[in-house]
Amino acid sequence: MRIDRSGWPFISSALVVAMVVGLTGGPLWALPFVVLASFFLFFFRDPDRRPPASARDVVSPADGRVLVAGKAAPQIAPPGAWQQLSIFLSPLDVHVNRIPVSGLVSRVDYRPGRFLPAYRREAAEVNERNEIWLDHNGQIVVCRQIVGVLARRIRCRIGPGARVATGERFGIMKFGSRVDLFLPPDATLRVRVGDRVRGGETVVATLGTNP
């Protein structure tokens, strides 16, 4: 299986320590570091996904569980009227992030902040985060990467002006986090709170037609 490139420093470091400890203290002492390297391999896995064919379908930007599905709270969302989907990623979920809908990247905004647990409501307001603004044929979709207690590193590998496709990989968050998706008010939500979703595959909403 493909491994995201952000994971190799963690994997190789754990294996090097395991080798050194194994040579100096014996195989039993090296075992915890082999287990740690195995966890890193699992965490940074990057499976292939098949996005839907319809251009109006919005796919989940991440694996995880839906925390919020409905009208966005004004203090959390960007200015304007939005619908909001929030997805919590546990350390066992795939953490590679994917483009929710094709279009042009119009903005990428990074904001430093705190490291509250990502499932808490206020995490969307105060935690460190990164926003990707997508222009899909005149309809704006905002995808916000939010760090948590364990996930303190956001990797975003696209910038303003990029043309992106639904399901395309664009970044990763390390060790437990959250993704918020803000959609136009006429979008139809396809998931509910508590649903499990798969990044790049699960259709979470359908955009309305342009006026």
N, C-alpha and C. Protein backbone atom coordinates (compact mmCIF):
# COMPACT_ATOMS: atom_id res chain seq x y z
N MET A 1 0.85 -1.20 0.00
CA MET A 1 0.00 0.00 0.00
C MET A 1 0.88 1.25 0.00
N ARG A 2 0.41 2.28 -0.67
CA ARG A 2 1.14 3.54 -0.70
C ARG A 2 1.20 4.17 0.69
N ILE A 3 2.34 4.78 1.02
CA ILE A 3 2.55 5.49 2.29
C ILE A 3 2.80 6.96 1.96
N ASP A 4 2.09 7.85 2.66
CA ASP A 4 2.31 9.27 2.44
C ASP A 4 3.74 9.64 2.81
N ARG A 5 4.35 10.52 2.02
CA ARG A 5 5.76 10.84 2.22
C ARG A 5 6.04 11.50 3.56
N SER A 6 5.04 12.10 4.19
CA SER A 6 5.26 12.69 5.51
C SER A 6 5.57 11.64 6.56
N GLY A 7 5.22 10.38 6.28
CA GLY A 7 5.41 9.34 7.27
C GLY A 7 6.78 8.73 7.32
N TRP A 8 7.54 8.84 6.23
CA TRP A 8 8.82 8.13 6.19
C TRP A 8 9.83 8.58 7.25
N PRO A 9 9.94 9.87 7.60
CA PRO A 9 10.86 10.23 8.69
C PRO A 9 10.50 9.56 10.01
N PHE A 10 9.20 9.42 10.31
CA PHE A 10 8.78 8.75 11.54
C PHE A 10 9.09 7.26 11.49
N ILE A 11 8.77 6.64 10.35
CA ILE A 11 8.97 5.20 10.20
C ILE A 11 10.46 4.85 10.27
N SER A 12 11.27 5.58 9.51
CA SER A 12 12.70 5.27 9.47
C SER A 12 13.36 5.54 10.82
N SER A 13 12.95 6.60 11.51
CA SER A 13 13.54 6.89 12.82
C SER A 13 13.24 5.77 13.82
N ALA A 14 12.00 5.30 13.82
CA ALA A 14 11.63 4.21 14.73
C ALA A 14 12.41 2.94 14.41
N LEU A 15 12.61 2.66 13.13
CA LEU A 15 13.36 1.45 12.75
C LEU A 15 14.83 1.57 13.10
N VAL A 16 15.40 2.75 12.93
CA VAL A 16 16.81 2.95 13.29
C VAL A 16 17.00 2.75 14.79
N VAL A 17 16.11 3.33 15.59
CA VAL A 17 16.21 3.15 17.04
C VAL A 17 16.04 1.68 17.40
N ALA A 18 15.10 1.00 16.74
CA ALA A 18 14.89 -0.43 17.01
C ALA A 18 16.15 -1.23 16.70
N MET A 19 16.83 -0.90 15.62
CA MET A 19 18.05 -1.62 15.25
C MET A 19 19.16 -1.38 16.27
N VAL A 20 19.33 -0.11 16.66
CA VAL A 20 20.39 0.21 17.63
C VAL A 20 20.11 -0.46 18.97
N VAL A 21 18.87 -0.35 19.43
CA VAL A 21 18.51 -0.96 20.72
C VAL A 21 18.63 -2.47 20.65
N GLY A 22 18.23 -3.04 19.50
CA GLY A 22 18.33 -4.48 19.34
C GLY A 22 19.75 -4.98 19.38
N LEU A 23 20.68 -4.22 18.81
CA LEU A 23 22.08 -4.62 18.78
C LEU A 23 22.75 -4.47 20.14
N THR A 24 22.31 -3.47 20.91
CA THR A 24 22.95 -3.20 22.19
C THR A 24 22.25 -3.87 23.38
N GLY A 25 20.94 -3.99 23.30
CA GLY A 25 20.21 -4.54 24.45
C GLY A 25 19.48 -5.83 24.19
N GLY A 26 19.37 -6.23 22.92
CA GLY A 26 18.68 -7.47 22.60
C GLY A 26 17.35 -7.22 21.92
N PRO A 27 16.83 -8.24 21.23
CA PRO A 27 15.58 -8.10 20.45
C PRO A 27 14.38 -7.68 21.27
N LEU A 28 14.30 -8.15 22.52
CA LEU A 28 13.12 -7.82 23.34
C LEU A 28 13.01 -6.33 23.58
N TRP A 29 14.14 -5.65 23.80
CA TRP A 29 14.12 -4.21 24.04
C TRP A 29 13.79 -3.44 22.76
N ALA A 30 14.07 -4.04 21.63
CA ALA A 30 13.80 -3.37 20.35
C ALA A 30 12.33 -3.48 19.95
N LEU A 31 11.61 -4.44 20.55
CA LEU A 31 10.23 -4.71 20.12
C LEU A 31 9.32 -3.49 20.18
N PRO A 32 9.34 -2.68 21.27
CA PRO A 32 8.45 -1.50 21.29
C PRO A 32 8.66 -0.55 20.11
N PHE A 33 9.90 -0.42 19.66
CA PHE A 33 10.18 0.50 18.55
C PHE A 33 9.75 -0.10 17.21
N VAL A 34 9.79 -1.43 17.12
CA VAL A 34 9.24 -2.09 15.92
C VAL A 34 7.73 -1.90 15.87
N VAL A 35 7.09 -2.02 17.03
CA VAL A 35 5.64 -1.78 17.10
C VAL A 35 5.32 -0.33 16.73
N LEU A 36 6.15 0.60 17.21
CA LEU A 36 5.93 2.01 16.88
C LEU A 36 6.08 2.25 15.38
N ALA A 37 7.09 1.64 14.76
CA ALA A 37 7.26 1.77 13.31
C ALA A 37 6.05 1.19 12.57
N SER A 38 5.50 0.10 13.07
CA SER A 38 4.32 -0.52 12.45
C SER A 38 3.11 0.41 12.56
N PHE A 39 2.99 1.07 13.72
CA PHE A 39 1.89 2.03 13.87
C PHE A 39 2.03 3.18 12.88
N PHE A 40 3.25 3.70 12.70
CA PHE A 40 3.46 4.78 11.75
C PHE A 40 3.12 4.33 10.32
N LEU A 41 3.48 3.11 9.97
CA LEU A 41 3.12 2.58 8.65
C LEU A 41 1.60 2.57 8.48
N PHE A 42 0.92 2.14 9.54
CA PHE A 42 -0.54 2.08 9.50
C PHE A 42 -1.14 3.48 9.42
N PHE A 43 -0.63 4.40 10.24
CA PHE A 43 -1.20 5.74 10.30
C PHE A 43 -1.04 6.49 8.99
N PHE A 44 0.12 6.37 8.35
CA PHE A 44 0.40 7.14 7.15
C PHE A 44 0.01 6.40 5.86
N ARG A 45 -0.80 5.36 5.99
CA ARG A 45 -1.27 4.66 4.79
C ARG A 45 -2.08 5.59 3.91
N ASP A 46 -2.01 5.35 2.62
CA ASP A 46 -2.67 6.25 1.65
C ASP A 46 -3.34 5.41 0.57
N PRO A 47 -4.49 4.82 0.88
CA PRO A 47 -5.14 3.94 -0.09
C PRO A 47 -5.72 4.71 -1.28
N ASP A 48 -5.83 4.02 -2.41
CA ASP A 48 -6.48 4.62 -3.57
C ASP A 48 -7.99 4.68 -3.33
N ARG A 49 -8.62 5.71 -3.86
CA ARG A 49 -10.06 5.88 -3.73
C ARG A 49 -10.65 6.23 -5.10
N ARG A 50 -11.93 5.88 -5.28
CA ARG A 50 -12.62 6.16 -6.54
C ARG A 50 -13.71 7.20 -6.32
N PRO A 51 -13.49 8.43 -6.76
CA PRO A 51 -14.52 9.47 -6.59
C PRO A 51 -15.68 9.24 -7.54
N PRO A 52 -16.87 9.80 -7.23
CA PRO A 52 -18.03 9.65 -8.11
C PRO A 52 -17.84 10.41 -9.41
N ALA A 53 -18.67 10.06 -10.39
CA ALA A 53 -18.53 10.66 -11.72
C ALA A 53 -19.23 12.01 -11.84
N SER A 54 -20.29 12.25 -11.05
CA SER A 54 -21.06 13.48 -11.17
C SER A 54 -20.26 14.68 -10.70
N ALA A 55 -20.23 15.74 -11.51
CA ALA A 55 -19.45 16.94 -11.18
C ALA A 55 -20.04 17.69 -10.00
N ARG A 56 -21.34 17.53 -9.72
CA ARG A 56 -21.98 18.26 -8.63
C ARG A 56 -21.86 17.56 -7.29
N ASP A 57 -21.41 16.31 -7.29
CA ASP A 57 -21.25 15.58 -6.04
C ASP A 57 -20.03 16.08 -5.27
N VAL A 58 -20.22 16.27 -3.98
CA VAL A 58 -19.14 16.67 -3.07
C VAL A 58 -18.75 15.45 -2.26
N VAL A 59 -17.47 15.08 -2.29
CA VAL A 59 -17.03 13.92 -1.54
C VAL A 59 -16.41 14.35 -0.22
N SER A 60 -16.36 13.42 0.69
CA SER A 60 -15.74 13.71 1.98
C SER A 60 -14.25 14.01 1.79
N PRO A 61 -13.75 15.06 2.42
CA PRO A 61 -12.32 15.37 2.33
C PRO A 61 -11.46 14.49 3.23
N ALA A 62 -12.09 13.66 4.07
CA ALA A 62 -11.32 12.86 5.03
C ALA A 62 -12.13 11.65 5.47
N ASP A 63 -11.43 10.64 5.96
CA ASP A 63 -12.07 9.52 6.64
C ASP A 63 -12.44 9.97 8.05
N GLY A 64 -13.53 9.41 8.59
CA GLY A 64 -13.88 9.72 9.96
C GLY A 64 -15.36 9.65 10.23
N ARG A 65 -15.78 10.30 11.29
CA ARG A 65 -17.17 10.30 11.74
C ARG A 65 -17.73 11.71 11.68
N VAL A 66 -18.96 11.84 11.17
CA VAL A 66 -19.60 13.15 11.03
C VAL A 66 -20.03 13.67 12.39
N LEU A 67 -19.52 14.86 12.76
CA LEU A 67 -19.88 15.51 14.02
C LEU A 67 -20.99 16.53 13.85
N VAL A 68 -20.99 17.22 12.71
CA VAL A 68 -21.96 18.29 12.43
C VAL A 68 -22.45 18.12 11.01
N ALA A 69 -23.76 18.27 10.80
CA ALA A 69 -24.34 18.24 9.45
C ALA A 69 -25.57 19.12 9.46
N GLY A 70 -25.44 20.33 8.94
CA GLY A 70 -26.57 21.24 8.93
C GLY A 70 -26.13 22.68 8.75
N LYS A 71 -26.98 23.59 9.18
CA LYS A 71 -26.68 25.01 9.05
C LYS A 71 -25.47 25.37 9.89
N ALA A 72 -24.57 26.16 9.30
CA ALA A 72 -23.33 26.52 9.99
C ALA A 72 -23.58 27.57 11.05
N ALA A 73 -22.87 27.44 12.17
CA ALA A 73 -22.91 28.47 13.20
C ALA A 73 -22.13 29.69 12.73
N PRO A 74 -22.69 30.90 12.84
CA PRO A 74 -22.02 32.10 12.32
C PRO A 74 -20.64 32.34 12.89
N GLN A 75 -20.44 32.01 14.17
CA GLN A 75 -19.14 32.27 14.80
C GLN A 75 -18.06 31.30 14.34
N ILE A 76 -18.46 30.21 13.68
CA ILE A 76 -17.51 29.20 13.22
C ILE A 76 -17.23 29.33 11.73
N ALA A 77 -18.28 29.62 10.95
CA ALA A 77 -18.16 29.63 9.50
C ALA A 77 -17.54 30.92 8.98
N PRO A 78 -17.04 30.91 7.75
CA PRO A 78 -16.64 32.16 7.11
C PRO A 78 -17.84 33.09 6.98
N PRO A 79 -17.63 34.37 6.73
CA PRO A 79 -18.76 35.29 6.57
C PRO A 79 -19.72 34.84 5.47
N GLY A 80 -21.02 34.99 5.74
CA GLY A 80 -22.02 34.60 4.76
C GLY A 80 -22.86 33.44 5.25
N ALA A 81 -23.71 32.92 4.36
CA ALA A 81 -24.61 31.81 4.68
C ALA A 81 -23.99 30.51 4.17
N TRP A 82 -23.92 29.51 5.05
CA TRP A 82 -23.28 28.24 4.70
C TRP A 82 -24.02 27.07 5.33
N GLN A 83 -23.85 25.91 4.74
CA GLN A 83 -24.11 24.66 5.42
C GLN A 83 -22.76 24.07 5.83
N GLN A 84 -22.77 23.34 6.95
CA GLN A 84 -21.51 22.85 7.51
C GLN A 84 -21.53 21.34 7.70
N LEU A 85 -20.43 20.71 7.33
CA LEU A 85 -20.16 19.31 7.67
C LEU A 85 -18.83 19.27 8.42
N SER A 86 -18.82 18.64 9.57
CA SER A 86 -17.59 18.49 10.35
C SER A 86 -17.30 17.01 10.52
N ILE A 87 -16.05 16.62 10.28
CA ILE A 87 -15.65 15.22 10.33
C ILE A 87 -14.49 15.08 11.31
N PHE A 88 -14.65 14.19 12.29
CA PHE A 88 -13.60 13.93 13.26
C PHE A 88 -12.81 12.71 12.85
N LEU A 89 -11.48 12.84 12.85
CA LEU A 89 -10.58 11.76 12.51
C LEU A 89 -9.91 11.24 13.77
N SER A 90 -10.08 9.97 14.06
CA SER A 90 -9.36 9.36 15.17
C SER A 90 -7.97 8.95 14.70
N PRO A 91 -7.05 8.61 15.61
CA PRO A 91 -5.72 8.18 15.17
C PRO A 91 -5.73 6.93 14.30
N LEU A 92 -6.85 6.20 14.27
CA LEU A 92 -6.93 4.98 13.46
C LEU A 92 -7.43 5.24 12.04
N ASP A 93 -7.91 6.45 11.77
CA ASP A 93 -8.42 6.77 10.44
C ASP A 93 -7.29 7.15 9.49
N VAL A 94 -7.55 7.00 8.19
CA VAL A 94 -6.64 7.53 7.17
C VAL A 94 -6.63 9.04 7.30
N HIS A 95 -5.44 9.65 7.34
CA HIS A 95 -5.33 11.08 7.57
C HIS A 95 -4.96 11.89 6.33
N VAL A 96 -4.88 11.24 5.19
CA VAL A 96 -4.66 11.95 3.93
C VAL A 96 -5.95 12.69 3.58
N ASN A 97 -5.83 13.97 3.24
CA ASN A 97 -6.99 14.80 2.90
C ASN A 97 -7.15 14.87 1.39
N ARG A 98 -8.42 14.96 0.95
CA ARG A 98 -8.74 14.93 -0.47
C ARG A 98 -9.66 16.09 -0.86
N ILE A 99 -9.52 16.51 -2.11
CA ILE A 99 -10.33 17.62 -2.62
C ILE A 99 -11.80 17.21 -2.66
N PRO A 100 -12.71 18.00 -2.05
CA PRO A 100 -14.12 17.61 -2.02
C PRO A 100 -14.85 17.78 -3.35
N VAL A 101 -14.45 18.76 -4.16
CA VAL A 101 -15.12 19.00 -5.43
C VAL A 101 -14.15 19.72 -6.36
N SER A 102 -14.24 19.43 -7.64
CA SER A 102 -13.30 20.00 -8.60
C SER A 102 -13.47 21.52 -8.71
N GLY A 103 -12.41 22.20 -9.14
CA GLY A 103 -12.51 23.64 -9.32
C GLY A 103 -11.15 24.31 -9.27
N LEU A 104 -11.19 25.61 -9.03
CA LEU A 104 -9.99 26.44 -8.94
C LEU A 104 -9.76 26.83 -7.49
N VAL A 105 -8.54 26.64 -7.00
CA VAL A 105 -8.19 27.07 -5.65
C VAL A 105 -8.02 28.59 -5.69
N SER A 106 -8.92 29.29 -5.02
CA SER A 106 -8.87 30.76 -5.04
C SER A 106 -8.11 31.33 -3.85
N ARG A 107 -8.12 30.60 -2.72
CA ARG A 107 -7.41 31.07 -1.52
C ARG A 107 -6.93 29.88 -0.71
N VAL A 108 -5.82 30.07 -0.01
CA VAL A 108 -5.35 29.13 1.01
C VAL A 108 -4.91 29.98 2.20
N ASP A 109 -5.63 29.86 3.31
CA ASP A 109 -5.38 30.70 4.49
C ASP A 109 -4.98 29.85 5.68
N TYR A 110 -3.80 30.09 6.21
CA TYR A 110 -3.34 29.40 7.42
C TYR A 110 -3.48 30.34 8.62
N ARG A 111 -3.98 29.79 9.74
CA ARG A 111 -4.12 30.58 10.96
C ARG A 111 -3.57 29.80 12.15
N PRO A 112 -2.60 30.36 12.86
CA PRO A 112 -2.10 29.69 14.07
C PRO A 112 -3.17 29.71 15.15
N GLY A 113 -3.04 28.84 16.13
CA GLY A 113 -4.03 28.80 17.20
C GLY A 113 -3.70 27.78 18.26
N ARG A 114 -4.72 27.33 18.99
CA ARG A 114 -4.55 26.42 20.11
C ARG A 114 -4.65 24.97 19.64
N PHE A 115 -4.62 24.03 20.62
CA PHE A 115 -4.63 22.60 20.30
C PHE A 115 -5.65 21.89 21.20
N LEU A 116 -6.89 22.41 21.21
CA LEU A 116 -7.95 21.75 21.95
C LEU A 116 -8.33 20.44 21.26
N PRO A 117 -8.98 19.50 21.98
CA PRO A 117 -9.46 18.29 21.32
C PRO A 117 -10.33 18.65 20.11
N ALA A 118 -10.07 18.00 18.97
CA ALA A 118 -10.69 18.40 17.72
C ALA A 118 -12.20 18.18 17.70
N TYR A 119 -12.72 17.30 18.56
CA TYR A 119 -14.16 17.05 18.56
C TYR A 119 -14.94 18.14 19.29
N ARG A 120 -14.28 19.01 20.03
CA ARG A 120 -14.99 20.07 20.75
C ARG A 120 -15.43 21.17 19.80
N ARG A 121 -16.62 21.73 20.03
CA ARG A 121 -17.19 22.73 19.13
C ARG A 121 -16.27 23.93 18.97
N GLU A 122 -15.68 24.38 20.07
CA GLU A 122 -14.87 25.60 20.02
C GLU A 122 -13.54 25.39 19.29
N ALA A 123 -13.19 24.13 19.01
CA ALA A 123 -11.93 23.88 18.29
C ALA A 123 -11.94 24.54 16.91
N ALA A 124 -13.12 24.63 16.29
CA ALA A 124 -13.21 25.24 14.96
C ALA A 124 -12.92 26.73 15.00
N GLU A 125 -13.07 27.35 16.18
CA GLU A 125 -12.85 28.80 16.30
C GLU A 125 -11.43 29.14 16.72
N VAL A 126 -10.82 28.31 17.59
CA VAL A 126 -9.58 28.73 18.24
C VAL A 126 -8.36 27.88 17.88
N ASN A 127 -8.56 26.69 17.32
CA ASN A 127 -7.41 25.83 17.04
C ASN A 127 -6.66 26.26 15.79
N GLU A 128 -5.42 25.84 15.70
CA GLU A 128 -4.64 26.05 14.49
C GLU A 128 -5.35 25.40 13.31
N ARG A 129 -5.41 26.10 12.16
CA ARG A 129 -6.19 25.58 11.05
C ARG A 129 -5.69 26.14 9.72
N ASN A 130 -6.17 25.50 8.67
CA ASN A 130 -5.82 25.90 7.31
C ASN A 130 -7.06 25.78 6.44
N GLU A 131 -7.38 26.82 5.68
CA GLU A 131 -8.57 26.83 4.84
C GLU A 131 -8.20 26.83 3.36
N ILE A 132 -8.88 25.97 2.61
CA ILE A 132 -8.75 25.95 1.15
C ILE A 132 -10.09 26.38 0.56
N TRP A 133 -10.08 27.46 -0.22
CA TRP A 133 -11.28 27.97 -0.87
C TRP A 133 -11.30 27.49 -2.32
N LEU A 134 -12.38 26.80 -2.68
CA LEU A 134 -12.52 26.23 -4.02
C LEU A 134 -13.65 26.91 -4.76
N ASP A 135 -13.38 27.32 -5.98
CA ASP A 135 -14.39 27.91 -6.85
C ASP A 135 -14.81 26.85 -7.87
N HIS A 136 -16.01 26.29 -7.67
CA HIS A 136 -16.54 25.27 -8.57
C HIS A 136 -17.60 25.91 -9.47
N ASN A 137 -17.17 26.38 -10.62
CA ASN A 137 -18.09 27.02 -11.57
C ASN A 137 -18.91 28.13 -10.92
N GLY A 138 -18.25 28.95 -10.12
CA GLY A 138 -18.92 30.06 -9.47
C GLY A 138 -19.48 29.75 -8.10
N GLN A 139 -19.50 28.51 -7.69
CA GLN A 139 -19.96 28.13 -6.35
C GLN A 139 -18.73 27.90 -5.46
N ILE A 140 -18.76 28.51 -4.28
CA ILE A 140 -17.61 28.45 -3.38
C ILE A 140 -17.80 27.36 -2.33
N VAL A 141 -16.79 26.54 -2.18
CA VAL A 141 -16.73 25.51 -1.15
C VAL A 141 -15.45 25.73 -0.36
N VAL A 142 -15.57 25.71 0.97
CA VAL A 142 -14.41 25.93 1.83
C VAL A 142 -14.12 24.66 2.62
N CYS A 143 -12.88 24.21 2.55
CA CYS A 143 -12.44 23.02 3.29
C CYS A 143 -11.41 23.47 4.32
N ARG A 144 -11.70 23.21 5.59
CA ARG A 144 -10.85 23.70 6.68
C ARG A 144 -10.20 22.52 7.41
N GLN A 145 -8.89 22.46 7.40
CA GLN A 145 -8.13 21.49 8.18
C GLN A 145 -7.91 22.06 9.58
N ILE A 146 -8.23 21.27 10.61
CA ILE A 146 -8.12 21.74 11.99
C ILE A 146 -7.30 20.74 12.79
N VAL A 147 -6.28 21.22 13.50
CA VAL A 147 -5.48 20.33 14.33
C VAL A 147 -6.21 20.01 15.62
N GLY A 148 -5.69 19.00 16.35
CA GLY A 148 -6.26 18.63 17.63
C GLY A 148 -5.18 18.52 18.68
N VAL A 149 -5.44 17.71 19.71
CA VAL A 149 -4.47 17.53 20.79
C VAL A 149 -3.22 16.83 20.27
N LEU A 150 -3.42 15.79 19.46
CA LEU A 150 -2.30 15.01 18.94
C LEU A 150 -1.84 15.49 17.58
N ALA A 151 -2.78 15.93 16.74
CA ALA A 151 -2.42 16.37 15.39
C ALA A 151 -1.99 17.82 15.44
N ARG A 152 -0.70 18.06 15.42
CA ARG A 152 -0.19 19.43 15.53
C ARG A 152 0.59 19.82 14.29
N ARG A 153 0.39 19.10 13.22
CA ARG A 153 1.07 19.41 11.98
C ARG A 153 0.09 19.30 10.82
N ILE A 154 -0.11 20.40 10.13
CA ILE A 154 -0.95 20.42 8.93
C ILE A 154 -0.03 20.48 7.72
N ARG A 155 -0.29 19.63 6.75
CA ARG A 155 0.42 19.70 5.49
C ARG A 155 -0.60 19.97 4.39
N CYS A 156 -0.43 21.10 3.72
CA CYS A 156 -1.27 21.46 2.58
C CYS A 156 -0.35 21.61 1.37
N ARG A 157 -0.61 20.85 0.31
CA ARG A 157 0.32 20.78 -0.81
C ARG A 157 -0.23 21.43 -2.08
N ILE A 158 -1.19 22.31 -1.91
CA ILE A 158 -1.70 23.06 -3.05
C ILE A 158 -1.70 24.54 -2.68
N GLY A 159 -1.76 25.39 -3.70
CA GLY A 159 -1.77 26.82 -3.47
C GLY A 159 -2.77 27.52 -4.38
N PRO A 160 -2.99 28.82 -4.18
CA PRO A 160 -3.91 29.58 -5.01
C PRO A 160 -3.55 29.46 -6.49
N GLY A 161 -4.59 29.31 -7.31
CA GLY A 161 -4.40 29.20 -8.75
C GLY A 161 -4.36 27.78 -9.26
N ALA A 162 -4.29 26.79 -8.36
CA ALA A 162 -4.24 25.39 -8.79
C ALA A 162 -5.61 24.93 -9.27
N ARG A 163 -5.62 24.14 -10.34
CA ARG A 163 -6.82 23.47 -10.81
C ARG A 163 -6.83 22.07 -10.22
N VAL A 164 -7.89 21.72 -9.51
CA VAL A 164 -7.91 20.45 -8.78
C VAL A 164 -9.15 19.65 -9.17
N ALA A 165 -9.05 18.33 -8.98
CA ALA A 165 -10.13 17.41 -9.33
C ALA A 165 -10.70 16.77 -8.07
N THR A 166 -11.96 16.39 -8.12
CA THR A 166 -12.62 15.72 -7.00
C THR A 166 -11.84 14.47 -6.60
N GLY A 167 -11.55 14.34 -5.32
CA GLY A 167 -10.86 13.17 -4.82
C GLY A 167 -9.36 13.25 -4.85
N GLU A 168 -8.81 14.30 -5.44
CA GLU A 168 -7.36 14.46 -5.53
C GLU A 168 -6.76 14.69 -4.14
N ARG A 169 -5.62 14.09 -3.86
CA ARG A 169 -4.94 14.30 -2.59
C ARG A 169 -4.41 15.74 -2.53
N PHE A 170 -4.56 16.38 -1.37
CA PHE A 170 -4.00 17.73 -1.26
C PHE A 170 -3.21 17.96 0.02
N GLY A 171 -3.25 17.03 0.97
CA GLY A 171 -2.51 17.25 2.21
C GLY A 171 -2.74 16.14 3.20
N ILE A 172 -2.25 16.37 4.41
CA ILE A 172 -2.39 15.38 5.48
C ILE A 172 -2.30 16.11 6.82
N MET A 173 -2.96 15.53 7.84
CA MET A 173 -2.84 16.03 9.21
C MET A 173 -2.36 14.87 10.08
N LYS A 174 -1.47 15.16 11.00
CA LYS A 174 -0.78 14.10 11.72
C LYS A 174 -1.35 13.85 13.11
N PHE A 175 -1.92 12.66 13.28
CA PHE A 175 -2.25 12.06 14.57
C PHE A 175 -3.55 12.53 15.23
N GLY A 176 -4.65 12.57 14.51
CA GLY A 176 -5.95 12.85 15.12
C GLY A 176 -6.37 14.29 14.94
N SER A 177 -7.46 14.54 14.24
CA SER A 177 -7.77 15.92 13.87
C SER A 177 -9.21 16.02 13.38
N ARG A 178 -9.49 17.09 12.63
CA ARG A 178 -10.86 17.37 12.19
C ARG A 178 -10.82 18.15 10.89
N VAL A 179 -11.83 17.93 10.06
CA VAL A 179 -12.00 18.70 8.83
C VAL A 179 -13.41 19.26 8.81
N ASP A 180 -13.53 20.58 8.59
CA ASP A 180 -14.84 21.22 8.41
C ASP A 180 -15.02 21.58 6.95
N LEU A 181 -16.21 21.34 6.46
CA LEU A 181 -16.55 21.65 5.07
C LEU A 181 -17.72 22.63 5.08
N PHE A 182 -17.56 23.75 4.39
CA PHE A 182 -18.61 24.77 4.31
C PHE A 182 -19.11 24.84 2.87
N LEU A 183 -20.42 24.65 2.73
CA LEU A 183 -21.05 24.52 1.42
C LEU A 183 -22.10 25.59 1.21
N PRO A 184 -22.43 25.92 -0.05
CA PRO A 184 -23.50 26.89 -0.30
C PRO A 184 -24.81 26.45 0.34
N PRO A 185 -25.66 27.40 0.71
CA PRO A 185 -26.90 27.04 1.41
C PRO A 185 -27.87 26.18 0.60
N ASP A 186 -27.75 26.19 -0.76
CA ASP A 186 -28.66 25.37 -1.55
C ASP A 186 -28.12 23.97 -1.83
N ALA A 187 -26.97 23.63 -1.25
CA ALA A 187 -26.45 22.27 -1.39
C ALA A 187 -27.32 21.30 -0.60
N THR A 188 -27.44 20.08 -1.10
CA THR A 188 -28.22 19.03 -0.42
C THR A 188 -27.27 18.10 0.31
N LEU A 189 -27.40 18.03 1.63
CA LEU A 189 -26.54 17.17 2.43
C LEU A 189 -26.97 15.71 2.28
N ARG A 190 -26.00 14.80 2.18
CA ARG A 190 -26.27 13.37 1.98
C ARG A 190 -25.87 12.52 3.18
N VAL A 191 -25.36 13.13 4.23
CA VAL A 191 -24.96 12.38 5.42
C VAL A 191 -25.56 13.03 6.65
N ARG A 192 -25.54 12.26 7.74
CA ARG A 192 -26.07 12.74 9.01
C ARG A 192 -25.02 12.60 10.11
N VAL A 193 -25.28 13.26 11.23
CA VAL A 193 -24.39 13.15 12.38
C VAL A 193 -24.27 11.68 12.79
N GLY A 194 -23.05 11.24 13.00
CA GLY A 194 -22.79 9.86 13.39
C GLY A 194 -22.38 8.95 12.25
N ASP A 195 -22.62 9.38 11.01
CA ASP A 195 -22.25 8.56 9.86
C ASP A 195 -20.73 8.45 9.74
N ARG A 196 -20.26 7.30 9.27
CA ARG A 196 -18.85 7.12 8.92
C ARG A 196 -18.67 7.44 7.45
N VAL A 197 -17.59 8.16 7.13
CA VAL A 197 -17.34 8.56 5.74
C VAL A 197 -15.92 8.20 5.35
N ARG A 198 -15.70 8.05 4.03
CA ARG A 198 -14.39 7.73 3.48
C ARG A 198 -13.95 8.86 2.56
N GLY A 199 -12.76 9.39 2.83
CA GLY A 199 -12.25 10.49 2.04
C GLY A 199 -12.08 10.13 0.57
N GLY A 200 -12.57 11.01 -0.30
CA GLY A 200 -12.43 10.79 -1.72
C GLY A 200 -13.47 9.89 -2.33
N GLU A 201 -14.36 9.28 -1.52
CA GLU A 201 -15.36 8.34 -2.04
C GLU A 201 -16.78 8.65 -1.59
N THR A 202 -16.98 8.85 -0.29
CA THR A 202 -18.34 9.05 0.21
C THR A 202 -18.90 10.39 -0.26
N VAL A 203 -20.06 10.35 -0.92
CA VAL A 203 -20.72 11.59 -1.33
C VAL A 203 -21.42 12.17 -0.11
N VAL A 204 -20.96 13.35 0.32
CA VAL A 204 -21.52 13.97 1.52
C VAL A 204 -22.55 15.05 1.20
N ALA A 205 -22.56 15.54 -0.06
CA ALA A 205 -23.50 16.58 -0.46
C ALA A 205 -23.55 16.66 -1.98
N THR A 206 -24.61 17.29 -2.47
CA THR A 206 -24.74 17.57 -3.88
C THR A 206 -24.98 19.07 -4.05
N LEU A 207 -24.17 19.71 -4.87
CA LEU A 207 -24.32 21.14 -5.08
C LEU A 207 -25.56 21.43 -5.92
N GLY A 208 -26.17 22.59 -5.67
CA GLY A 208 -27.29 23.03 -6.50
C GLY A 208 -26.81 23.47 -7.86
N THR A 209 -27.76 23.72 -8.74
CA THR A 209 -27.40 24.21 -10.08
C THR A 209 -27.16 25.70 -10.03
N ASN A 210 -26.24 26.17 -10.83
CA ASN A 210 -25.96 27.60 -10.89
C ASN A 210 -27.17 28.36 -11.41
N PRO A 211 -27.43 29.56 -10.88
CA PRO A 211 -28.58 30.34 -11.38
C PRO A 211 -28.34 30.78 -12.82
